[in-house]
Amino acid sequence: MNRLMTIGALAAGLSSLFHPAYADPSKPAVTIDPEQSCSRDLAALPEFLMANDTGAADNRRHRGKAATAAALERATRETASVKSGDDCVRVLRRYPDPP
């Protein structure tokens, strides 16, 4: 058997170990709290936008710090009601826009 076939067979064998059918029922499933996760994502978003969005600094200067702070406050309140990842995406997409 050549080396590539050996690696492929090994990868297929290992991936089968992580199949849901082999999950240990005595261990609790990993759960993610959408509200907590969304709040963390929102907290990181302003800095991320300033570093990675070429128009973010101009937008902040144009709208002003008060409007930017109000948008973040509104989004922070909205994260308290998210129930799913889709809800969080809606909040995060609206964040920099004015109310």
PDB file of N, CA and C in Angstrom:
ATOM      1  N   MET A   1       0.857  -1.178   0.000  1.00  0.00           N
ATOM      2  CA  MET A   1       0.000   0.000   0.000  1.00  0.00           C
ATOM      3  C   MET A   1       0.898   1.234   0.000  1.00  0.00           C
ATOM      4  N   ASN A   2       0.573   2.184  -0.867  1.00  0.00           N
ATOM      5  CA  ASN A   2       1.440   3.366  -0.897  1.00  0.00           C
ATOM      6  C   ASN A   2       1.103   4.308   0.259  1.00  0.00           C
ATOM      7  N   ARG A   3       1.979   5.263   0.455  1.00  0.00           N
ATOM      8  CA  ARG A   3       1.877   6.168   1.600  1.00  0.00           C
ATOM      9  C   ARG A   3       0.581   6.984   1.594  1.00  0.00           C
ATOM     10  N   LEU A   4       0.158   7.473   0.430  1.00  0.00           N
ATOM     11  CA  LEU A   4      -1.056   8.275   0.323  1.00  0.00           C
ATOM     12  C   LEU A   4      -2.286   7.464   0.705  1.00  0.00           C
ATOM     13  N   MET A   5      -2.339   6.218   0.263  1.00  0.00           N
ATOM     14  CA  MET A   5      -3.478   5.365   0.608  1.00  0.00           C
ATOM     15  C   MET A   5      -3.496   5.082   2.104  1.00  0.00           C
ATOM     16  N   THR A   6      -2.318   4.926   2.705  1.00  0.00           N
ATOM     17  CA  THR A   6      -2.231   4.671   4.139  1.00  0.00           C
ATOM     18  C   THR A   6      -2.742   5.867   4.923  1.00  0.00           C
ATOM     19  N   ILE A   7      -2.330   7.052   4.517  1.00  0.00           N
ATOM     20  CA  ILE A   7      -2.786   8.278   5.200  1.00  0.00           C
ATOM     21  C   ILE A   7      -4.296   8.428   5.048  1.00  0.00           C
ATOM     22  N   GLY A   8      -4.823   8.175   3.858  1.00  0.00           N
ATOM     23  CA  GLY A   8      -6.266   8.267   3.632  1.00  0.00           C
ATOM     24  C   GLY A   8      -7.039   7.287   4.484  1.00  0.00           C
ATOM     25  N   ALA A   9      -6.549   6.049   4.578  1.00  0.00           N
ATOM     26  CA  ALA A   9      -7.223   5.036   5.397  1.00  0.00           C
ATOM     27  C   ALA A   9      -7.179   5.422   6.868  1.00  0.00           C
ATOM     28  N   LEU A  10      -6.049   5.942   7.320  1.00  0.00           N
ATOM     29  CA  LEU A  10      -5.923   6.375   8.711  1.00  0.00           C
ATOM     30  C   LEU A  10      -6.885   7.522   9.005  1.00  0.00           C
ATOM     31  N   ALA A  11      -6.962   8.503   8.102  1.00  0.00           N
ATOM     32  CA  ALA A  11      -7.871   9.636   8.300  1.00  0.00           C
ATOM     33  C   ALA A  11      -9.321   9.173   8.336  1.00  0.00           C
ATOM     34  N   ALA A  12      -9.690   8.260   7.455  1.00  0.00           N
ATOM     35  CA  ALA A  12     -11.067   7.747   7.445  1.00  0.00           C
ATOM     36  C   ALA A  12     -11.373   7.006   8.739  1.00  0.00           C
ATOM     37  N   GLY A  13     -10.416   6.242   9.219  1.00  0.00           N
ATOM     38  CA  GLY A  13     -10.620   5.505  10.468  1.00  0.00           C
ATOM     39  C   GLY A  13     -10.764   6.426  11.660  1.00  0.00           C
ATOM     40  N   LEU A  14      -9.910   7.452  11.725  1.00  0.00           N
ATOM     41  CA  LEU A  14      -9.994   8.400  12.831  1.00  0.00           C
ATOM     42  C   LEU A  14     -11.287   9.200  12.787  1.00  0.00           C
ATOM     43  N   SER A  15     -11.705   9.603  11.596  1.00  0.00           N
ATOM     44  CA  SER A  15     -12.927  10.400  11.516  1.00  0.00           C
ATOM     45  C   SER A  15     -14.141   9.589  11.954  1.00  0.00           C
ATOM     46  N   SER A  16     -14.109   8.298  11.756  1.00  0.00           N
ATOM     47  CA  SER A  16     -15.246   7.482  12.185  1.00  0.00           C
ATOM     48  C   SER A  16     -15.353   7.430  13.696  1.00  0.00           C
ATOM     49  N   LEU A  17     -14.241   7.636  14.404  1.00  0.00           N
ATOM     50  CA  LEU A  17     -14.278   7.648  15.868  1.00  0.00           C
ATOM     51  C   LEU A  17     -15.057   8.838  16.405  1.00  0.00           C
ATOM     52  N   PHE A  18     -15.138   9.921  15.632  1.00  0.00           N
ATOM     53  CA  PHE A  18     -15.815  11.135  16.077  1.00  0.00           C
ATOM     54  C   PHE A  18     -17.248  11.230  15.559  1.00  0.00           C
ATOM     55  N   HIS A  19     -17.717  10.192  14.938  1.00  0.00           N
ATOM     56  CA  HIS A  19     -19.088  10.147  14.439  1.00  0.00           C
ATOM     57  C   HIS A  19     -20.042  10.201  15.625  1.00  0.00           C
ATOM     58  N   PRO A  20     -21.174  10.912  15.519  1.00  0.00           N
ATOM     59  CA  PRO A  20     -22.119  11.029  16.642  1.00  0.00           C
ATOM     60  C   PRO A  20     -22.590   9.690  17.191  1.00  0.00           C
ATOM     61  N   ALA A  21     -22.601   8.662  16.368  1.00  0.00           N
ATOM     62  CA  ALA A  21     -23.047   7.345  16.841  1.00  0.00           C
ATOM     63  C   ALA A  21     -22.112   6.792  17.905  1.00  0.00           C
ATOM     64  N   TYR A  22     -20.862   7.283  17.950  1.00  0.00           N
ATOM     65  CA  TYR A  22     -19.894   6.804  18.923  1.00  0.00           C
ATOM     66  C   TYR A  22     -19.780   7.733  20.128  1.00  0.00           C
ATOM     67  N   ALA A  23     -20.629   8.710  20.236  1.00  0.00           N
ATOM     68  CA  ALA A  23     -20.581   9.643  21.363  1.00  0.00           C
ATOM     69  C   ALA A  23     -20.889   8.912  22.656  1.00  0.00           C
ATOM     70  N   ASP A  24     -20.234   9.345  23.707  1.00  0.00           N
ATOM     71  CA  ASP A  24     -20.437   8.737  25.025  1.00  0.00           C
ATOM     72  C   ASP A  24     -21.690   9.346  25.645  1.00  0.00           C
ATOM     73  N   PRO A  25     -22.756   8.551  25.809  1.00  0.00           N
ATOM     74  CA  PRO A  25     -24.005   9.109  26.347  1.00  0.00           C
ATOM     75  C   PRO A  25     -23.899   9.534  27.801  1.00  0.00           C
ATOM     76  N   SER A  26     -22.860   9.085  28.513  1.00  0.00           N
ATOM     77  CA  SER A  26     -22.720   9.479  29.921  1.00  0.00           C
ATOM     78  C   SER A  26     -22.144  10.882  30.052  1.00  0.00           C
ATOM     79  N   LYS A  27     -21.584  11.431  28.971  1.00  0.00           N
ATOM     80  CA  LYS A  27     -21.030  12.778  29.007  1.00  0.00           C
ATOM     81  C   LYS A  27     -22.062  13.758  28.476  1.00  0.00           C
ATOM     82  N   PRO A  28     -22.213  14.889  29.135  1.00  0.00           N
ATOM     83  CA  PRO A  28     -23.190  15.873  28.641  1.00  0.00           C
ATOM     84  C   PRO A  28     -22.731  16.456  27.305  1.00  0.00           C
ATOM     85  N   ALA A  29     -23.692  16.774  26.480  1.00  0.00           N
ATOM     86  CA  ALA A  29     -23.390  17.398  25.197  1.00  0.00           C
ATOM     87  C   ALA A  29     -22.894  18.813  25.446  1.00  0.00           C
ATOM     88  N   VAL A  30     -22.052  19.289  24.593  1.00  0.00           N
ATOM     89  CA  VAL A  30     -21.561  20.660  24.708  1.00  0.00           C
ATOM     90  C   VAL A  30     -22.690  21.591  24.299  1.00  0.00           C
ATOM     91  N   THR A  31     -22.990  22.534  25.155  1.00  0.00           N
ATOM     92  CA  THR A  31     -24.024  23.506  24.833  1.00  0.00           C
ATOM     93  C   THR A  31     -23.407  24.896  24.808  1.00  0.00           C
ATOM     94  N   ILE A  32     -23.928  25.727  23.961  1.00  0.00           N
ATOM     95  CA  ILE A  32     -23.454  27.102  23.844  1.00  0.00           C
ATOM     96  C   ILE A  32     -24.631  28.014  24.148  1.00  0.00           C
ATOM     97  N   ASP A  33     -24.421  28.916  25.042  1.00  0.00           N
ATOM     98  CA  ASP A  33     -25.453  29.891  25.385  1.00  0.00           C
ATOM     99  C   ASP A  33     -25.415  30.994  24.337  1.00  0.00           C
ATOM    100  N   PRO A  34     -26.445  31.087  23.478  1.00  0.00           N
ATOM    101  CA  PRO A  34     -26.422  32.091  22.402  1.00  0.00           C
ATOM    102  C   PRO A  34     -26.254  33.515  22.913  1.00  0.00           C
ATOM    103  N   GLU A  35     -26.894  33.827  24.031  1.00  0.00           N
ATOM    104  CA  GLU A  35     -26.810  35.198  24.554  1.00  0.00           C
ATOM    105  C   GLU A  35     -25.382  35.523  24.972  1.00  0.00           C
ATOM    106  N   GLN A  36     -24.753  34.616  25.701  1.00  0.00           N
ATOM    107  CA  GLN A  36     -23.390  34.850  26.170  1.00  0.00           C
ATOM    108  C   GLN A  36     -22.413  34.909  24.998  1.00  0.00           C
ATOM    109  N   SER A  37     -22.562  34.003  24.074  1.00  0.00           N
ATOM    110  CA  SER A  37     -21.694  33.977  22.905  1.00  0.00           C
ATOM    111  C   SER A  37     -21.873  35.241  22.068  1.00  0.00           C
ATOM    112  N   CYS A  38     -23.108  35.660  21.891  1.00  0.00           N
ATOM    113  CA  CYS A  38     -23.398  36.855  21.098  1.00  0.00           C
ATOM    114  C   CYS A  38     -22.823  38.098  21.780  1.00  0.00           C
ATOM    115  N   SER A  39     -22.926  38.171  23.083  1.00  0.00           N
ATOM    116  CA  SER A  39     -22.378  39.305  23.828  1.00  0.00           C
ATOM    117  C   SER A  39     -20.866  39.390  23.647  1.00  0.00           C
ATOM    118  N   ARG A  40     -20.188  38.235  23.681  1.00  0.00           N
ATOM    119  CA  ARG A  40     -18.730  38.210  23.463  1.00  0.00           C
ATOM    120  C   ARG A  40     -18.391  38.673  22.049  1.00  0.00           C
ATOM    121  N   ASP A  41     -19.145  38.178  21.074  1.00  0.00           N
ATOM    122  CA  ASP A  41     -18.890  38.569  19.691  1.00  0.00           C
ATOM    123  C   ASP A  41     -19.102  40.068  19.498  1.00  0.00           C
ATOM    124  N   LEU A  42     -20.165  40.603  20.087  1.00  0.00           N
ATOM    125  CA  LEU A  42     -20.445  42.032  19.975  1.00  0.00           C
ATOM    126  C   LEU A  42     -19.340  42.853  20.634  1.00  0.00           C
ATOM    127  N   ALA A  43     -18.850  42.404  21.776  1.00  0.00           N
ATOM    128  CA  ALA A  43     -17.796  43.142  22.472  1.00  0.00           C
ATOM    129  C   ALA A  43     -16.527  43.247  21.627  1.00  0.00           C
ATOM    130  N   ALA A  44     -16.263  42.235  20.818  1.00  0.00           N
ATOM    131  CA  ALA A  44     -15.063  42.232  19.975  1.00  0.00           C
ATOM    132  C   ALA A  44     -15.267  42.983  18.659  1.00  0.00           C
ATOM    133  N   LEU A  45     -16.509  43.210  18.282  1.00  0.00           N
ATOM    134  CA  LEU A  45     -16.811  43.768  16.960  1.00  0.00           C
ATOM    135  C   LEU A  45     -16.294  45.191  16.723  1.00  0.00           C
ATOM    136  N   PRO A  46     -16.433  46.147  17.644  1.00  0.00           N
ATOM    137  CA  PRO A  46     -15.954  47.502  17.352  1.00  0.00           C
ATOM    138  C   PRO A  46     -14.457  47.543  17.024  1.00  0.00           C
ATOM    139  N   GLU A  47     -13.657  46.868  17.815  1.00  0.00           N
ATOM    140  CA  GLU A  47     -12.215  46.846  17.564  1.00  0.00           C
ATOM    141  C   GLU A  47     -11.903  46.129  16.248  1.00  0.00           C
ATOM    142  N   PHE A  48     -12.613  45.030  15.994  1.00  0.00           N
ATOM    143  CA  PHE A  48     -12.413  44.296  14.749  1.00  0.00           C
ATOM    144  C   PHE A  48     -12.728  45.173  13.544  1.00  0.00           C
ATOM    145  N   LEU A  49     -13.844  45.890  13.607  1.00  0.00           N
ATOM    146  CA  LEU A  49     -14.217  46.763  12.489  1.00  0.00           C
ATOM    147  C   LEU A  49     -13.189  47.868  12.271  1.00  0.00           C
ATOM    148  N   MET A  50     -12.713  48.469  13.338  1.00  0.00           N
ATOM    149  CA  MET A  50     -11.721  49.534  13.204  1.00  0.00           C
ATOM    150  C   MET A  50     -10.435  49.010  12.575  1.00  0.00           C
ATOM    151  N   ALA A  51     -10.073  47.771  12.875  1.00  0.00           N
ATOM    152  CA  ALA A  51      -8.835  47.197  12.340  1.00  0.00           C
ATOM    153  C   ALA A  51      -8.999  46.644  10.928  1.00  0.00           C
ATOM    154  N   ASN A  52     -10.202  46.245  10.551  1.00  0.00           N
ATOM    155  CA  ASN A  52     -10.373  45.502   9.304  1.00  0.00           C
ATOM    156  C   ASN A  52     -11.319  46.117   8.282  1.00  0.00           C
ATOM    157  N   ASP A  53     -12.085  47.110   8.652  1.00  0.00           N
ATOM    158  CA  ASP A  53     -13.024  47.742   7.735  1.00  0.00           C
ATOM    159  C   ASP A  53     -12.484  49.127   7.375  1.00  0.00           C
ATOM    160  N   THR A  54     -12.150  49.317   6.109  1.00  0.00           N
ATOM    161  CA  THR A  54     -11.516  50.570   5.711  1.00  0.00           C
ATOM    162  C   THR A  54     -12.411  51.792   5.932  1.00  0.00           C
ATOM    163  N   GLY A  55     -13.719  51.618   5.981  1.00  0.00           N
ATOM    164  CA  GLY A  55     -14.616  52.748   6.176  1.00  0.00           C
ATOM    165  C   GLY A  55     -15.044  52.963   7.616  1.00  0.00           C
ATOM    166  N   ALA A  56     -14.613  52.115   8.522  1.00  0.00           N
ATOM    167  CA  ALA A  56     -15.086  52.200   9.912  1.00  0.00           C
ATOM    168  C   ALA A  56     -14.664  53.501  10.593  1.00  0.00           C
ATOM    169  N   ALA A  57     -13.426  53.900  10.412  1.00  0.00           N
ATOM    170  CA  ALA A  57     -12.950  55.129  11.061  1.00  0.00           C
ATOM    171  C   ALA A  57     -13.699  56.350  10.512  1.00  0.00           C
ATOM    172  N   ASP A  58     -13.894  56.377   9.192  1.00  0.00           N
ATOM    173  CA  ASP A  58     -14.644  57.494   8.592  1.00  0.00           C
ATOM    174  C   ASP A  58     -16.087  57.499   9.076  1.00  0.00           C
ATOM    175  N   ASN A  59     -16.687  56.326   9.176  1.00  0.00           N
ATOM    176  CA  ASN A  59     -18.059  56.211   9.657  1.00  0.00           C
ATOM    177  C   ASN A  59     -18.161  56.725  11.089  1.00  0.00           C
ATOM    178  N   ARG A  60     -17.197  56.365  11.918  1.00  0.00           N
ATOM    179  CA  ARG A  60     -17.214  56.807  13.319  1.00  0.00           C
ATOM    180  C   ARG A  60     -17.057  58.323  13.389  1.00  0.00           C
ATOM    181  N   ARG A  61     -16.145  58.885  12.585  1.00  0.00           N
ATOM    182  CA  ARG A  61     -15.963  60.351  12.586  1.00  0.00           C
ATOM    183  C   ARG A  61     -17.219  61.054  12.066  1.00  0.00           C
ATOM    184  N   HIS A  62     -17.815  60.512  11.009  1.00  0.00           N
ATOM    185  CA  HIS A  62     -18.996  61.130  10.403  1.00  0.00           C
ATOM    186  C   HIS A  62     -20.198  61.095  11.361  1.00  0.00           C
ATOM    187  N   ARG A  63     -20.437  59.953  11.966  1.00  0.00           N
ATOM    188  CA  ARG A  63     -21.597  59.805  12.847  1.00  0.00           C
ATOM    189  C   ARG A  63     -21.356  60.363  14.232  1.00  0.00           C
ATOM    190  N   GLY A  64     -20.116  60.352  14.677  1.00  0.00           N
ATOM    191  CA  GLY A  64     -19.774  60.857  16.001  1.00  0.00           C
ATOM    192  C   GLY A  64     -19.734  59.748  17.040  1.00  0.00           C
ATOM    193  N   LYS A  65     -19.000  60.019  18.083  1.00  0.00           N
ATOM    194  CA  LYS A  65     -18.828  59.015  19.145  1.00  0.00           C
ATOM    195  C   LYS A  65     -20.136  58.725  19.870  1.00  0.00           C
ATOM    196  N   ALA A  66     -20.979  59.720  20.032  1.00  0.00           N
ATOM    197  CA  ALA A  66     -22.239  59.506  20.747  1.00  0.00           C
ATOM    198  C   ALA A  66     -23.140  58.537  19.982  1.00  0.00           C
ATOM    199  N   ALA A  67     -23.235  58.694  18.667  1.00  0.00           N
ATOM    200  CA  ALA A  67     -24.065  57.796  17.853  1.00  0.00           C
ATOM    201  C   ALA A  67     -23.495  56.389  17.832  1.00  0.00           C
ATOM    202  N   THR A  68     -22.160  56.306  17.767  1.00  0.00           N
ATOM    203  CA  THR A  68     -21.518  55.000  17.784  1.00  0.00           C
ATOM    204  C   THR A  68     -21.763  54.306  19.120  1.00  0.00           C
ATOM    205  N   ALA A  69     -21.640  55.047  20.197  1.00  0.00           N
ATOM    206  CA  ALA A  69     -21.883  54.485  21.528  1.00  0.00           C
ATOM    207  C   ALA A  69     -23.353  54.065  21.680  1.00  0.00           C
ATOM    208  N   ALA A  70     -24.268  54.859  21.129  1.00  0.00           N
ATOM    209  CA  ALA A  70     -25.699  54.525  21.198  1.00  0.00           C
ATOM    210  C   ALA A  70     -25.993  53.247  20.417  1.00  0.00           C
ATOM    211  N   ALA A  71     -25.344  53.081  19.259  1.00  0.00           N
ATOM    212  CA  ALA A  71     -25.544  51.865  18.465  1.00  0.00           C
ATOM    213  C   ALA A  71     -25.036  50.645  19.213  1.00  0.00           C
ATOM    214  N   LEU A  72     -23.900  50.785  19.876  1.00  0.00           N
ATOM    215  CA  LEU A  72     -23.358  49.668  20.662  1.00  0.00           C
ATOM    216  C   LEU A  72     -24.264  49.360  21.854  1.00  0.00           C
ATOM    217  N   GLU A  73     -24.787  50.389  22.494  1.00  0.00           N
ATOM    218  CA  GLU A  73     -25.702  50.197  23.634  1.00  0.00           C
ATOM    219  C   GLU A  73     -26.970  49.474  23.183  1.00  0.00           C
ATOM    220  N   ARG A  74     -27.529  49.893  22.055  1.00  0.00           N
ATOM    221  CA  ARG A  74     -28.726  49.243  21.530  1.00  0.00           C
ATOM    222  C   ARG A  74     -28.460  47.773  21.221  1.00  0.00           C
ATOM    223  N   ALA A  75     -27.345  47.501  20.558  1.00  0.00           N
ATOM    224  CA  ALA A  75     -27.000  46.124  20.209  1.00  0.00           C
ATOM    225  C   ALA A  75     -26.760  45.290  21.464  1.00  0.00           C
ATOM    226  N   THR A  76     -26.160  45.882  22.471  1.00  0.00           N
ATOM    227  CA  THR A  76     -25.923  45.167  23.736  1.00  0.00           C
ATOM    228  C   THR A  76     -27.253  44.782  24.372  1.00  0.00           C
ATOM    229  N   ARG A  77     -28.216  45.687  24.366  1.00  0.00           N
ATOM    230  CA  ARG A  77     -29.549  45.362  24.899  1.00  0.00           C
ATOM    231  C   ARG A  77     -30.197  44.243  24.088  1.00  0.00           C
ATOM    232  N   GLU A  78     -30.033  44.301  22.768  1.00  0.00           N
ATOM    233  CA  GLU A  78     -30.652  43.288  21.903  1.00  0.00           C
ATOM    234  C   GLU A  78     -30.043  41.904  22.101  1.00  0.00           C
ATOM    235  N   THR A  79     -28.772  41.827  22.470  1.00  0.00           N
ATOM    236  CA  THR A  79     -28.162  40.506  22.689  1.00  0.00           C
ATOM    237  C   THR A  79     -28.798  39.789  23.874  1.00  0.00           C
ATOM    238  N   ALA A  80     -29.419  40.531  24.765  1.00  0.00           N
ATOM    239  CA  ALA A  80     -30.058  39.906  25.924  1.00  0.00           C
ATOM    240  C   ALA A  80     -31.265  39.061  25.528  1.00  0.00           C
ATOM    241  N   SER A  81     -31.788  39.272  24.326  1.00  0.00           N
ATOM    242  CA  SER A  81     -32.981  38.526  23.921  1.00  0.00           C
ATOM    243  C   SER A  81     -32.712  37.491  22.833  1.00  0.00           C
ATOM    244  N   VAL A  82     -31.446  37.298  22.454  1.00  0.00           N
ATOM    245  CA  VAL A  82     -31.179  36.313  21.404  1.00  0.00           C
ATOM    246  C   VAL A  82     -31.420  34.901  21.936  1.00  0.00           C
ATOM    247  N   LYS A  83     -32.003  34.087  21.081  1.00  0.00           N
ATOM    248  CA  LYS A  83     -32.296  32.696  21.446  1.00  0.00           C
ATOM    249  C   LYS A  83     -31.583  31.704  20.541  1.00  0.00           C
ATOM    250  N   SER A  84     -30.983  32.232  19.460  1.00  0.00           N
ATOM    251  CA  SER A  84     -30.322  31.343  18.503  1.00  0.00           C
ATOM    252  C   SER A  84     -29.188  32.093  17.816  1.00  0.00           C
ATOM    253  N   GLY A  85     -28.402  31.340  17.086  1.00  0.00           N
ATOM    254  CA  GLY A  85     -27.332  31.951  16.315  1.00  0.00           C
ATOM    255  C   GLY A  85     -27.857  32.906  15.263  1.00  0.00           C
ATOM    256  N   ASP A  86     -29.010  32.562  14.672  1.00  0.00           N
ATOM    257  CA  ASP A  86     -29.613  33.444  13.666  1.00  0.00           C
ATOM    258  C   ASP A  86     -30.015  34.781  14.276  1.00  0.00           C
ATOM    259  N   ASP A  87     -30.574  34.744  15.497  1.00  0.00           N
ATOM    260  CA  ASP A  87     -30.927  35.990  16.187  1.00  0.00           C
ATOM    261  C   ASP A  87     -29.680  36.850  16.396  1.00  0.00           C
ATOM    262  N   CYS A  88     -28.592  36.197  16.792  1.00  0.00           N
ATOM    263  CA  CYS A  88     -27.345  36.919  17.041  1.00  0.00           C
ATOM    264  C   CYS A  88     -26.830  37.551  15.750  1.00  0.00           C
ATOM    265  N   VAL A  89     -26.866  36.829  14.676  1.00  0.00           N
ATOM    266  CA  VAL A  89     -26.399  37.368  13.395  1.00  0.00           C
ATOM    267  C   VAL A  89     -27.190  38.614  13.028  1.00  0.00           C
ATOM    268  N   ARG A  90     -28.493  38.597  13.253  1.00  0.00           N
ATOM    269  CA  ARG A  90     -29.314  39.776  12.948  1.00  0.00           C
ATOM    270  C   ARG A  90     -28.864  40.981  13.786  1.00  0.00           C
ATOM    271  N   VAL A  91     -28.595  40.752  15.061  1.00  0.00           N
ATOM    272  CA  VAL A  91     -28.151  41.843  15.936  1.00  0.00           C
ATOM    273  C   VAL A  91     -26.796  42.368  15.474  1.00  0.00           C
ATOM    274  N   LEU A  92     -25.867  41.473  15.202  1.00  0.00           N
ATOM    275  CA  LEU A  92     -24.521  41.892  14.820  1.00  0.00           C
ATOM    276  C   LEU A  92     -24.503  42.603  13.472  1.00  0.00           C
ATOM    277  N   ARG A  93     -25.344  42.197  12.558  1.00  0.00           N
ATOM    278  CA  ARG A  93     -25.387  42.855  11.252  1.00  0.00           C
ATOM    279  C   ARG A  93     -25.954  44.258  11.354  1.00  0.00           C
ATOM    280  N   ARG A  94     -26.877  44.471  12.279  1.00  0.00           N
ATOM    281  CA  ARG A  94     -27.480  45.799  12.460  1.00  0.00           C
ATOM    282  C   ARG A  94     -26.597  46.723  13.291  1.00  0.00           C
ATOM    283  N   TYR A  95     -25.645  46.181  14.041  1.00  0.00           N
ATOM    284  CA  TYR A  95     -24.906  46.952  15.039  1.00  0.00           C
ATOM    285  C   TYR A  95     -24.413  48.315  14.579  1.00  0.00           C
ATOM    286  N   PRO A  96     -23.614  48.432  13.543  1.00  0.00           N
ATOM    287  CA  PRO A  96     -23.074  49.764  13.288  1.00  0.00           C
ATOM    288  C   PRO A  96     -24.081  50.743  12.673  1.00  0.00           C
ATOM    289  N   ASP A  97     -25.230  50.244  12.260  1.00  0.00           N
ATOM    290  CA  ASP A  97     -26.230  51.123  11.650  1.00  0.00           C
ATOM    291  C   ASP A  97     -26.966  51.931  12.707  1.00  0.00           C
ATOM    292  N   PRO A  98     -27.378  53.128  12.359  1.00  0.00           N
ATOM    293  CA  PRO A  98     -28.159  53.927  13.315  1.00  0.00           C
ATOM    294  C   PRO A  98     -29.528  53.292  13.555  1.00  0.00           C
ATOM    295  N   PRO A  99     -30.115  53.523  14.709  1.00  0.00           N
ATOM    296  CA  PRO A  99     -31.435  52.942  15.024  1.00  0.00           C
ATOM    297  C   PRO A  99     -32.534  53.497  14.131  1.00  0.00           C
TER     298      PRO A  99
END
